[in-house]
Amino acid sequence: MTAPGADQYCVIGNPVEHSKSPQIHAAFAAQTGQAIEYGRRMAPLDAFADVVRDLIAKGYKGANVTLPFKLEAASLATRLEERARAAGAVNTLSFIDGEIVGDNTDGPGLVADLTRNADVALAGKRILLLGAGGAARGVMLPFLQQGPKTIVVANRTRATADALVAAFQDQVTDVRACGFADIKDSFDIVVNATSASLAQEMPPVPAAAFGAGTLALDMMYGAAPTPFMLFAAKQGATTRDGLGMLVEQAAEAFAIWRGVRPATRELLSTLRA
């Protein structure tokens, strides 16, 4: 039951029942005094556009988009903000005056979590990004804006990594693509942007990618460390899950929709506990 006067939002995905987004946005609404209701919407793999049109028909104001629909959301949008255009992927939709406006808060969310919550600077760092899909695309521009030394994109299908890198070639930062088997050196930061952890699988990244000074971050989160985090920890890396990124990207989306950016630190501590 929707509260009188409350604007409706949701997260669309497949699967989506695990999402903490409703809990996060409810906390943001309470903190900021905004009248919103936020739920989950499971979309069949072949019916994402139909679900979005149904939400618009029902008067929803916007939606978050999670796996596996971020690329499709970019195609569906009638207008893309700059960071969504750069990413070619969308995780935040706003329904405004008959338009579907696509934005991407994943990258800013991850940067905020690393720099603000984990106290890790990205300037001058060597970064390995695992995966070349929508999640990886979303973080490339915000990462590059932090001035890292190198970003290497590794993917099972090398051509997909090449295509992603080609879109960001005119940068001061050294941006390269490779296959997983080509990784020979350790990195300062390794980010798992693949969907392997959803299936409790390990992406085929070699142990050589990790060292004692490596921060290994998995964009996924759960009650227990992911196989990627367990493997990285065995190699001496410090590990972090995607919960902080989730909270920070949600705060950015909330700000887009409501014009106020909620505080995140206390909520993140509560969720971790």
C-alpha atoms as a PDB file:
ATOM      1  CA  MET A   1       0.000   0.000   0.000  1.00  0.00           C
ATOM      2  CA  THR A   2       1.473   3.352  -1.069  1.00  0.00           C
ATOM      3  CA  ALA A   3       1.355   6.134   1.518  1.00  0.00           C
ATOM      4  CA  PRO A   4      -0.739   9.135   0.404  1.00  0.00           C
ATOM      5  CA  GLY A   5       1.436  11.622  -1.469  1.00  0.00           C
ATOM      6  CA  ALA A   6       4.470   9.337  -1.616  1.00  0.00           C
ATOM      7  CA  ASP A   7       6.398   9.153  -4.902  1.00  0.00           C
ATOM      8  CA  GLN A   8       7.175   5.618  -6.063  1.00  0.00           C
ATOM      9  CA  TYR A   9      10.553   4.193  -7.066  1.00  0.00           C
ATOM     10  CA  CYS A  10      12.001   0.677  -7.310  1.00  0.00           C
ATOM     11  CA  VAL A  11      15.000  -1.397  -8.326  1.00  0.00           C
ATOM     12  CA  ILE A  12      14.643  -3.564 -11.449  1.00  0.00           C
ATOM     13  CA  GLY A  13      16.758  -6.681 -11.859  1.00  0.00           C
ATOM     14  CA  ASN A  14      16.913 -10.433 -12.394  1.00  0.00           C
ATOM     15  CA  PRO A  15      17.518 -11.677  -9.727  1.00  0.00           C
ATOM     16  CA  VAL A  16      16.413  -8.825  -7.468  1.00  0.00           C
ATOM     17  CA  GLU A  17      15.056 -10.379  -4.247  1.00  0.00           C
ATOM     18  CA  HIS A  18      18.494 -10.058  -2.570  1.00  0.00           C
ATOM     19  CA  SER A  19      18.675  -6.271  -3.102  1.00  0.00           C
ATOM     20  CA  LYS A  20      19.162  -4.056  -0.055  1.00  0.00           C
ATOM     21  CA  SER A  21      18.142  -0.967  -2.051  1.00  0.00           C
ATOM     22  CA  PRO A  22      14.618  -0.730  -0.541  1.00  0.00           C
ATOM     23  CA  GLN A  23      16.089  -0.715   2.979  1.00  0.00           C
ATOM     24  CA  ILE A  24      18.688   1.895   1.989  1.00  0.00           C
ATOM     25  CA  HIS A  25      16.236   4.257   0.316  1.00  0.00           C
ATOM     26  CA  ALA A  26      13.760   3.922   3.196  1.00  0.00           C
ATOM     27  CA  ALA A  27      16.552   5.036   5.546  1.00  0.00           C
ATOM     28  CA  PHE A  28      17.436   7.953   3.253  1.00  0.00           C
ATOM     29  CA  ALA A  29      13.772   9.000   3.076  1.00  0.00           C
ATOM     30  CA  ALA A  30      13.451   8.945   6.870  1.00  0.00           C
ATOM     31  CA  GLN A  31      16.682  10.893   7.291  1.00  0.00           C
ATOM     32  CA  THR A  32      15.772  13.621   4.789  1.00  0.00           C
ATOM     33  CA  GLY A  33      12.009  13.771   5.364  1.00  0.00           C
ATOM     34  CA  GLN A  34      11.248  12.848   1.742  1.00  0.00           C
ATOM     35  CA  ALA A  35       7.909  11.123   1.006  1.00  0.00           C
ATOM     36  CA  ILE A  36       8.899   8.148  -1.162  1.00  0.00           C
ATOM     37  CA  GLU A  37       8.150   4.442  -1.396  1.00  0.00           C
ATOM     38  CA  TYR A  38      10.762   2.132  -2.884  1.00  0.00           C
ATOM     39  CA  GLY A  39      10.335  -1.542  -3.819  1.00  0.00           C
ATOM     40  CA  ARG A  40      11.777  -4.364  -5.923  1.00  0.00           C
ATOM     41  CA  ARG A  41      10.653  -5.328  -9.414  1.00  0.00           C
ATOM     42  CA  MET A  42      11.741  -8.585 -11.019  1.00  0.00           C
ATOM     43  CA  ALA A  43      11.930  -8.268 -14.817  1.00  0.00           C
ATOM     44  CA  PRO A  44      11.877 -11.287 -17.166  1.00  0.00           C
ATOM     45  CA  LEU A  45      15.101 -11.364 -19.188  1.00  0.00           C
ATOM     46  CA  ASP A  46      13.221 -10.526 -22.392  1.00  0.00           C
ATOM     47  CA  ALA A  47      10.822  -7.935 -20.952  1.00  0.00           C
ATOM     48  CA  PHE A  48      12.863  -5.147 -19.323  1.00  0.00           C
ATOM     49  CA  ALA A  49      11.363  -2.436 -21.565  1.00  0.00           C
ATOM     50  CA  ASP A  50       7.831  -3.679 -20.816  1.00  0.00           C
ATOM     51  CA  VAL A  51       8.482  -3.409 -17.079  1.00  0.00           C
ATOM     52  CA  VAL A  52       9.786   0.158 -17.431  1.00  0.00           C
ATOM     53  CA  ARG A  53       6.741   1.170 -19.499  1.00  0.00           C
ATOM     54  CA  ASP A  54       4.471  -0.393 -16.868  1.00  0.00           C
ATOM     55  CA  LEU A  55       6.175   1.622 -14.104  1.00  0.00           C
ATOM     56  CA  ILE A  56       5.734   4.837 -16.084  1.00  0.00           C
ATOM     57  CA  ALA A  57       2.052   4.026 -16.681  1.00  0.00           C
ATOM     58  CA  LYS A  58       1.628   3.528 -12.920  1.00  0.00           C
ATOM     59  CA  GLY A  59       3.116   6.945 -12.166  1.00  0.00           C
ATOM     60  CA  TYR A  60       6.545   5.919 -10.866  1.00  0.00           C
ATOM     61  CA  LYS A  61       9.097   8.749 -10.747  1.00  0.00           C
ATOM     62  CA  GLY A  62      12.192   6.643 -11.353  1.00  0.00           C
ATOM     63  CA  ALA A  63      13.996   3.333 -10.909  1.00  0.00           C
ATOM     64  CA  ASN A  64      17.390   1.848 -10.264  1.00  0.00           C
ATOM     65  CA  VAL A  65      18.624  -0.816 -12.661  1.00  0.00           C
ATOM     66  CA  THR A  66      20.817  -3.744 -11.668  1.00  0.00           C
ATOM     67  CA  LEU A  67      22.128  -6.871 -13.421  1.00  0.00           C
ATOM     68  CA  PRO A  68      21.642  -7.776 -16.208  1.00  0.00           C
ATOM     69  CA  PHE A  69      19.801  -4.747 -17.602  1.00  0.00           C
ATOM     70  CA  LYS A  70      22.253  -1.805 -17.396  1.00  0.00           C
ATOM     71  CA  LEU A  71      23.175  -1.848 -21.098  1.00  0.00           C
ATOM     72  CA  GLU A  72      19.539  -2.288 -22.140  1.00  0.00           C
ATOM     73  CA  ALA A  73      18.540   0.620 -19.887  1.00  0.00           C
ATOM     74  CA  ALA A  74      20.997   2.835 -21.780  1.00  0.00           C
ATOM     75  CA  SER A  75      19.380   1.858 -25.089  1.00  0.00           C
ATOM     76  CA  LEU A  76      15.884   2.468 -23.712  1.00  0.00           C
ATOM     77  CA  ALA A  77      16.605   5.942 -22.318  1.00  0.00           C
ATOM     78  CA  THR A  78      15.424   8.873 -24.422  1.00  0.00           C
ATOM     79  CA  ARG A  79      18.172  11.063 -22.925  1.00  0.00           C
ATOM     80  CA  LEU A  80      21.512  10.138 -21.339  1.00  0.00           C
ATOM     81  CA  GLU A  81      23.506  12.198 -18.841  1.00  0.00           C
ATOM     82  CA  GLU A  82      27.247  12.571 -19.565  1.00  0.00           C
ATOM     83  CA  ARG A  83      28.491   9.792 -17.285  1.00  0.00           C
ATOM     84  CA  ALA A  84      25.854   7.396 -18.647  1.00  0.00           C
ATOM     85  CA  ARG A  85      26.891   8.288 -22.211  1.00  0.00           C
ATOM     86  CA  ALA A  86      30.530   7.627 -21.336  1.00  0.00           C
ATOM     87  CA  ALA A  87      29.613   4.325 -19.703  1.00  0.00           C
ATOM     88  CA  GLY A  88      27.112   3.154 -22.311  1.00  0.00           C
ATOM     89  CA  ALA A  89      25.324   1.775 -19.247  1.00  0.00           C
ATOM     90  CA  VAL A  90      22.580   3.079 -16.963  1.00  0.00           C
ATOM     91  CA  ASN A  91      21.736   2.219 -13.361  1.00  0.00           C
ATOM     92  CA  THR A  92      19.435   5.163 -12.575  1.00  0.00           C
ATOM     93  CA  LEU A  93      16.317   6.110 -14.549  1.00  0.00           C
ATOM     94  CA  SER A  94      14.223   9.240 -14.011  1.00  0.00           C
ATOM     95  CA  PHE A  95      10.783   9.528 -15.597  1.00  0.00           C
ATOM     96  CA  ILE A  96      10.333  13.246 -16.334  1.00  0.00           C
ATOM     97  CA  ASP A  97       7.741  14.873 -18.609  1.00  0.00           C
ATOM     98  CA  GLY A  98       7.432  11.858 -20.885  1.00  0.00           C
ATOM     99  CA  GLU A  99      11.208  11.327 -21.057  1.00  0.00           C
ATOM    100  CA  ILE A 100      13.252   8.411 -19.745  1.00  0.00           C
ATOM    101  CA  VAL A 101      16.464  10.022 -18.480  1.00  0.00           C
ATOM    102  CA  GLY A 102      19.377   7.637 -17.913  1.00  0.00           C
ATOM    103  CA  ASP A 103      22.269   8.279 -15.515  1.00  0.00           C
ATOM    104  CA  ASN A 104      25.010   6.145 -13.996  1.00  0.00           C
ATOM    105  CA  THR A 105      25.873   6.469 -10.304  1.00  0.00           C
ATOM    106  CA  ASP A 106      27.918   3.253 -10.026  1.00  0.00           C
ATOM    107  CA  GLY A 107      31.264   4.908 -10.723  1.00  0.00           C
ATOM    108  CA  PRO A 108      30.754   7.896  -8.419  1.00  0.00           C
ATOM    109  CA  GLY A 109      29.479   5.460  -5.779  1.00  0.00           C
ATOM    110  CA  LEU A 110      32.568   3.262  -6.013  1.00  0.00           C
ATOM    111  CA  VAL A 111      34.925   6.247  -5.995  1.00  0.00           C
ATOM    112  CA  ALA A 112      33.119   7.692  -2.949  1.00  0.00           C
ATOM    113  CA  ASP A 113      33.351   4.364  -1.102  1.00  0.00           C
ATOM    114  CA  LEU A 114      37.067   3.942  -1.844  1.00  0.00           C
ATOM    115  CA  THR A 115      38.125   7.517  -1.146  1.00  0.00           C
ATOM    116  CA  ARG A 116      35.707   8.430   1.664  1.00  0.00           C
ATOM    117  CA  ASN A 117      34.899   5.169   3.470  1.00  0.00           C
ATOM    118  CA  ALA A 118      38.038   3.098   2.811  1.00  0.00           C
ATOM    119  CA  ASP A 119      40.348   6.150   2.763  1.00  0.00           C
ATOM    120  CA  VAL A 120      42.099   4.944  -0.409  1.00  0.00           C
ATOM    121  CA  ALA A 121      43.326   7.527  -2.926  1.00  0.00           C
ATOM    122  CA  LEU A 122      43.178   6.495  -6.599  1.00  0.00           C
ATOM    123  CA  ALA A 123      45.642   9.063  -7.970  1.00  0.00           C
ATOM    124  CA  GLY A 124      48.786   7.387  -9.319  1.00  0.00           C
ATOM    125  CA  LYS A 125      47.481   3.870  -8.612  1.00  0.00           C
ATOM    126  CA  ARG A 126      47.614   0.805 -10.870  1.00  0.00           C
ATOM    127  CA  ILE A 127      44.061  -0.533 -11.209  1.00  0.00           C
ATOM    128  CA  LEU A 128      42.917  -3.881 -12.611  1.00  0.00           C
ATOM    129  CA  LEU A 129      39.253  -4.003 -13.622  1.00  0.00           C
ATOM    130  CA  LEU A 130      37.850  -7.519 -14.065  1.00  0.00           C
ATOM    131  CA  GLY A 131      34.984  -7.652 -16.565  1.00  0.00           C
ATOM    132  CA  ALA A 132      33.938  -5.345 -19.414  1.00  0.00           C
ATOM    133  CA  GLY A 133      30.134  -5.267 -19.109  1.00  0.00           C
ATOM    134  CA  GLY A 134      27.803  -2.615 -17.766  1.00  0.00           C
ATOM    135  CA  ALA A 135      29.298  -2.577 -14.260  1.00  0.00           C
ATOM    136  CA  ALA A 136      32.838  -2.072 -15.562  1.00  0.00           C
ATOM    137  CA  ARG A 137      31.728   0.553 -18.082  1.00  0.00           C
ATOM    138  CA  GLY A 138      30.047   2.532 -15.317  1.00  0.00           C
ATOM    139  CA  VAL A 139      33.240   3.048 -13.320  1.00  0.00           C
ATOM    140  CA  MET A 140      35.709   3.880 -16.104  1.00  0.00           C
ATOM    141  CA  LEU A 141      35.104   7.648 -16.403  1.00  0.00           C
ATOM    142  CA  PRO A 142      34.900   8.327 -12.628  1.00  0.00           C
ATOM    143  CA  PHE A 143      38.086   6.254 -12.128  1.00  0.00           C
ATOM    144  CA  LEU A 144      39.913   8.159 -14.876  1.00  0.00           C
ATOM    145  CA  GLN A 145      38.855  11.470 -13.340  1.00  0.00           C
ATOM    146  CA  GLN A 146      40.818  10.469 -10.203  1.00  0.00           C
ATOM    147  CA  GLY A 147      44.111  10.330 -12.148  1.00  0.00           C
ATOM    148  CA  PRO A 148      45.313   6.728 -11.719  1.00  0.00           C
ATOM    149  CA  LYS A 149      48.603   5.658 -13.342  1.00  0.00           C
ATOM    150  CA  THR A 150      47.150   2.650 -15.179  1.00  0.00           C
ATOM    151  CA  ILE A 151      43.794   0.959 -15.745  1.00  0.00           C
ATOM    152  CA  VAL A 152      43.910  -2.554 -17.209  1.00  0.00           C
ATOM    153  CA  VAL A 153      40.587  -4.118 -18.239  1.00  0.00           C
ATOM    154  CA  ALA A 154      40.646  -7.922 -18.237  1.00  0.00           C
ATOM    155  CA  ASN A 155      37.798  -9.966 -19.687  1.00  0.00           C
ATOM    156  CA  ARG A 156      37.060 -13.531 -20.833  1.00  0.00           C
ATOM    157  CA  THR A 157      36.265 -12.190 -24.304  1.00  0.00           C
ATOM    158  CA  ARG A 158      39.251 -10.013 -25.199  1.00  0.00           C
ATOM    159  CA  ALA A 159      37.343  -8.185 -27.951  1.00  0.00           C
ATOM    160  CA  THR A 160      34.840  -6.848 -25.400  1.00  0.00           C
ATOM    161  CA  ALA A 161      37.675  -5.482 -23.250  1.00  0.00           C
ATOM    162  CA  ASP A 162      39.297  -3.945 -26.364  1.00  0.00           C
ATOM    163  CA  ALA A 163      36.028  -2.206 -27.250  1.00  0.00           C
ATOM    164  CA  LEU A 164      35.678  -0.757 -23.745  1.00  0.00           C
ATOM    165  CA  VAL A 165      39.270   0.484 -23.692  1.00  0.00           C
ATOM    166  CA  ALA A 166      38.915   2.025 -27.174  1.00  0.00           C
ATOM    167  CA  ALA A 167      36.162   4.290 -25.851  1.00  0.00           C
ATOM    168  CA  PHE A 168      38.555   5.782 -23.265  1.00  0.00           C
ATOM    169  CA  GLN A 169      41.823   5.854 -25.214  1.00  0.00           C
ATOM    170  CA  ASP A 170      42.299   9.651 -25.290  1.00  0.00           C
ATOM    171  CA  GLN A 171      43.333   9.870 -21.626  1.00  0.00           C
ATOM    172  CA  VAL A 172      46.490  10.831 -19.739  1.00  0.00           C
ATOM    173  CA  THR A 173      46.096   7.534 -17.873  1.00  0.00           C
ATOM    174  CA  ASP A 174      47.524   4.418 -19.536  1.00  0.00           C
ATOM    175  CA  VAL A 175      44.400   2.366 -20.404  1.00  0.00           C
ATOM    176  CA  ARG A 176      44.869  -1.186 -21.707  1.00  0.00           C
ATOM    177  CA  ALA A 177      42.928  -4.407 -22.316  1.00  0.00           C
ATOM    178  CA  CYS A 178      43.958  -8.020 -21.823  1.00  0.00           C
ATOM    179  CA  GLY A 179      42.657 -11.549 -21.315  1.00  0.00           C
ATOM    180  CA  PHE A 180      42.750 -13.094 -17.836  1.00  0.00           C
ATOM    181  CA  ALA A 181      45.676 -15.319 -18.772  1.00  0.00           C
ATOM    182  CA  ASP A 182      47.731 -12.256 -19.743  1.00  0.00           C
ATOM    183  CA  ILE A 183      47.843 -10.882 -16.174  1.00  0.00           C
ATOM    184  CA  LYS A 184      51.410 -11.307 -14.908  1.00  0.00           C
ATOM    185  CA  ASP A 185      51.902  -8.435 -12.426  1.00  0.00           C
ATOM    186  CA  SER A 186      50.268  -7.324  -9.178  1.00  0.00           C
ATOM    187  CA  PHE A 187      48.114  -4.196  -8.921  1.00  0.00           C
ATOM    188  CA  ASP A 188      47.368  -1.630  -6.222  1.00  0.00           C
ATOM    189  CA  ILE A 189      43.606  -2.072  -6.662  1.00  0.00           C
ATOM    190  CA  VAL A 190      41.738  -5.023  -8.215  1.00  0.00           C
ATOM    191  CA  VAL A 191      37.995  -4.556  -8.789  1.00  0.00           C
ATOM    192  CA  ASN A 192      35.773  -7.535  -9.613  1.00  0.00           C
ATOM    193  CA  ALA A 193      33.106  -6.116 -11.929  1.00  0.00           C
ATOM    194  CA  THR A 194      32.097  -9.539 -13.271  1.00  0.00           C
ATOM    195  CA  SER A 195      28.891 -11.289 -12.214  1.00  0.00           C
ATOM    196  CA  ALA A 196      30.801 -14.412 -11.091  1.00  0.00           C
ATOM    197  CA  SER A 197      30.115 -13.804  -7.395  1.00  0.00           C
ATOM    198  CA  LEU A 198      26.345 -13.918  -7.985  1.00  0.00           C
ATOM    199  CA  ALA A 199      26.796 -17.617  -8.752  1.00  0.00           C
ATOM    200  CA  GLN A 200      29.415 -18.016  -5.988  1.00  0.00           C
ATOM    201  CA  GLU A 201      32.053 -18.515  -8.674  1.00  0.00           C
ATOM    202  CA  MET A 202      35.573 -17.183  -8.991  1.00  0.00           C
ATOM    203  CA  PRO A 203      36.580 -15.137 -12.054  1.00  0.00           C
ATOM    204  CA  PRO A 204      39.657 -16.712 -13.663  1.00  0.00           C
ATOM    205  CA  VAL A 205      42.098 -14.093 -12.376  1.00  0.00           C
ATOM    206  CA  PRO A 206      45.590 -15.427 -11.544  1.00  0.00           C
ATOM    207  CA  ALA A 207      47.131 -15.129  -8.082  1.00  0.00           C
ATOM    208  CA  ALA A 208      49.848 -12.895  -9.586  1.00  0.00           C
ATOM    209  CA  ALA A 209      47.357  -9.977  -9.713  1.00  0.00           C
ATOM    210  CA  PHE A 210      47.389  -9.672  -5.912  1.00  0.00           C
ATOM    211  CA  GLY A 211      50.119  -8.614  -3.517  1.00  0.00           C
ATOM    212  CA  ALA A 212      50.431  -7.652   0.141  1.00  0.00           C
ATOM    213  CA  GLY A 213      49.577  -4.031  -0.709  1.00  0.00           C
ATOM    214  CA  THR A 214      46.605  -4.812  -2.966  1.00  0.00           C
ATOM    215  CA  LEU A 215      43.055  -3.731  -2.187  1.00  0.00           C
ATOM    216  CA  ALA A 216      40.682  -6.281  -3.755  1.00  0.00           C
ATOM    217  CA  LEU A 217      37.111  -5.028  -4.039  1.00  0.00           C
ATOM    218  CA  ASP A 218      34.156  -7.119  -5.197  1.00  0.00           C
ATOM    219  CA  MET A 219      31.190  -5.109  -6.469  1.00  0.00           C
ATOM    220  CA  MET A 220      28.922  -7.843  -5.092  1.00  0.00           C
ATOM    221  CA  TYR A 221      28.030  -8.097  -1.413  1.00  0.00           C
ATOM    222  CA  GLY A 222      26.563 -10.775   0.833  1.00  0.00           C
ATOM    223  CA  ALA A 223      26.522 -12.203   4.325  1.00  0.00           C
ATOM    224  CA  ALA A 224      29.848 -13.977   3.694  1.00  0.00           C
ATOM    225  CA  PRO A 225      32.978 -13.047   1.709  1.00  0.00           C
ATOM    226  CA  THR A 226      32.748 -13.919  -1.994  1.00  0.00           C
ATOM    227  CA  PRO A 227      35.060 -16.527  -3.608  1.00  0.00           C
ATOM    228  CA  PHE A 228      36.963 -13.601  -5.169  1.00  0.00           C
ATOM    229  CA  MET A 229      37.514 -12.002  -1.747  1.00  0.00           C
ATOM    230  CA  LEU A 230      38.586 -15.298  -0.171  1.00  0.00           C
ATOM    231  CA  PHE A 231      41.057 -15.954  -3.003  1.00  0.00           C
ATOM    232  CA  ALA A 232      42.480 -12.423  -2.836  1.00  0.00           C
ATOM    233  CA  ALA A 233      42.869 -12.625   0.946  1.00  0.00           C
ATOM    234  CA  LYS A 234      44.858 -15.861   0.546  1.00  0.00           C
ATOM    235  CA  GLN A 235      47.306 -13.935  -1.627  1.00  0.00           C
ATOM    236  CA  GLY A 236      47.734 -11.313   1.129  1.00  0.00           C
ATOM    237  CA  ALA A 237      45.377  -8.655  -0.252  1.00  0.00           C
ATOM    238  CA  THR A 238      43.046  -6.481   1.818  1.00  0.00           C
ATOM    239  CA  THR A 239      39.450  -7.184   0.754  1.00  0.00           C
ATOM    240  CA  ARG A 240      36.275  -5.134   0.568  1.00  0.00           C
ATOM    241  CA  ASP A 241      32.786  -5.998  -0.682  1.00  0.00           C
ATOM    242  CA  GLY A 242      30.371  -3.848  -2.682  1.00  0.00           C
ATOM    243  CA  LEU A 243      28.100  -2.754   0.169  1.00  0.00           C
ATOM    244  CA  GLY A 244      29.754   0.658   0.519  1.00  0.00           C
ATOM    245  CA  MET A 245      29.534   1.186  -3.233  1.00  0.00           C
ATOM    246  CA  LEU A 246      25.846   0.226  -3.110  1.00  0.00           C
ATOM    247  CA  VAL A 247      25.090   2.744  -0.364  1.00  0.00           C
ATOM    248  CA  GLU A 248      27.064   5.543  -2.044  1.00  0.00           C
ATOM    249  CA  GLN A 249      25.585   4.998  -5.509  1.00  0.00           C
ATOM    250  CA  ALA A 250      22.117   4.905  -3.901  1.00  0.00           C
ATOM    251  CA  ALA A 251      22.813   8.246  -2.197  1.00  0.00           C
ATOM    252  CA  GLU A 252      23.808   9.704  -5.569  1.00  0.00           C
ATOM    253  CA  ALA A 253      20.612   8.349  -7.199  1.00  0.00           C
ATOM    254  CA  PHE A 254      18.523   9.709  -4.301  1.00  0.00           C
ATOM    255  CA  ALA A 255      20.115  13.133  -4.850  1.00  0.00           C
ATOM    256  CA  ILE A 256      19.245  13.014  -8.564  1.00  0.00           C
ATOM    257  CA  TRP A 257      15.614  12.189  -7.807  1.00  0.00           C
ATOM    258  CA  ARG A 258      15.017  14.311  -4.708  1.00  0.00           C
ATOM    259  CA  GLY A 259      17.568  17.139  -4.892  1.00  0.00           C
ATOM    260  CA  VAL A 260      19.133  16.314  -1.501  1.00  0.00           C
ATOM    261  CA  ARG A 261      22.125  14.039  -0.828  1.00  0.00           C
ATOM    262  CA  PRO A 262      21.685  11.925   2.323  1.00  0.00           C
ATOM    263  CA  ALA A 263      24.501  11.114   4.746  1.00  0.00           C
ATOM    264  CA  THR A 264      25.796   7.557   4.357  1.00  0.00           C
ATOM    265  CA  ARG A 265      28.327   6.677   7.047  1.00  0.00           C
ATOM    266  CA  GLU A 266      25.905   5.788   9.850  1.00  0.00           C
ATOM    267  CA  LEU A 267      23.710   3.699   7.532  1.00  0.00           C
ATOM    268  CA  LEU A 268      26.738   1.832   6.188  1.00  0.00           C
ATOM    269  CA  SER A 269      27.820   1.013   9.762  1.00  0.00           C
ATOM    270  CA  THR A 270      24.300  -0.242  10.550  1.00  0.00           C
ATOM    271  CA  LEU A 271      24.193  -2.458   7.448  1.00  0.00           C
ATOM    272  CA  ARG A 272      27.649  -3.871   8.194  1.00  0.00           C
ATOM    273  CA  ALA A 273      26.579  -4.705  11.740  1.00  0.00           C
END
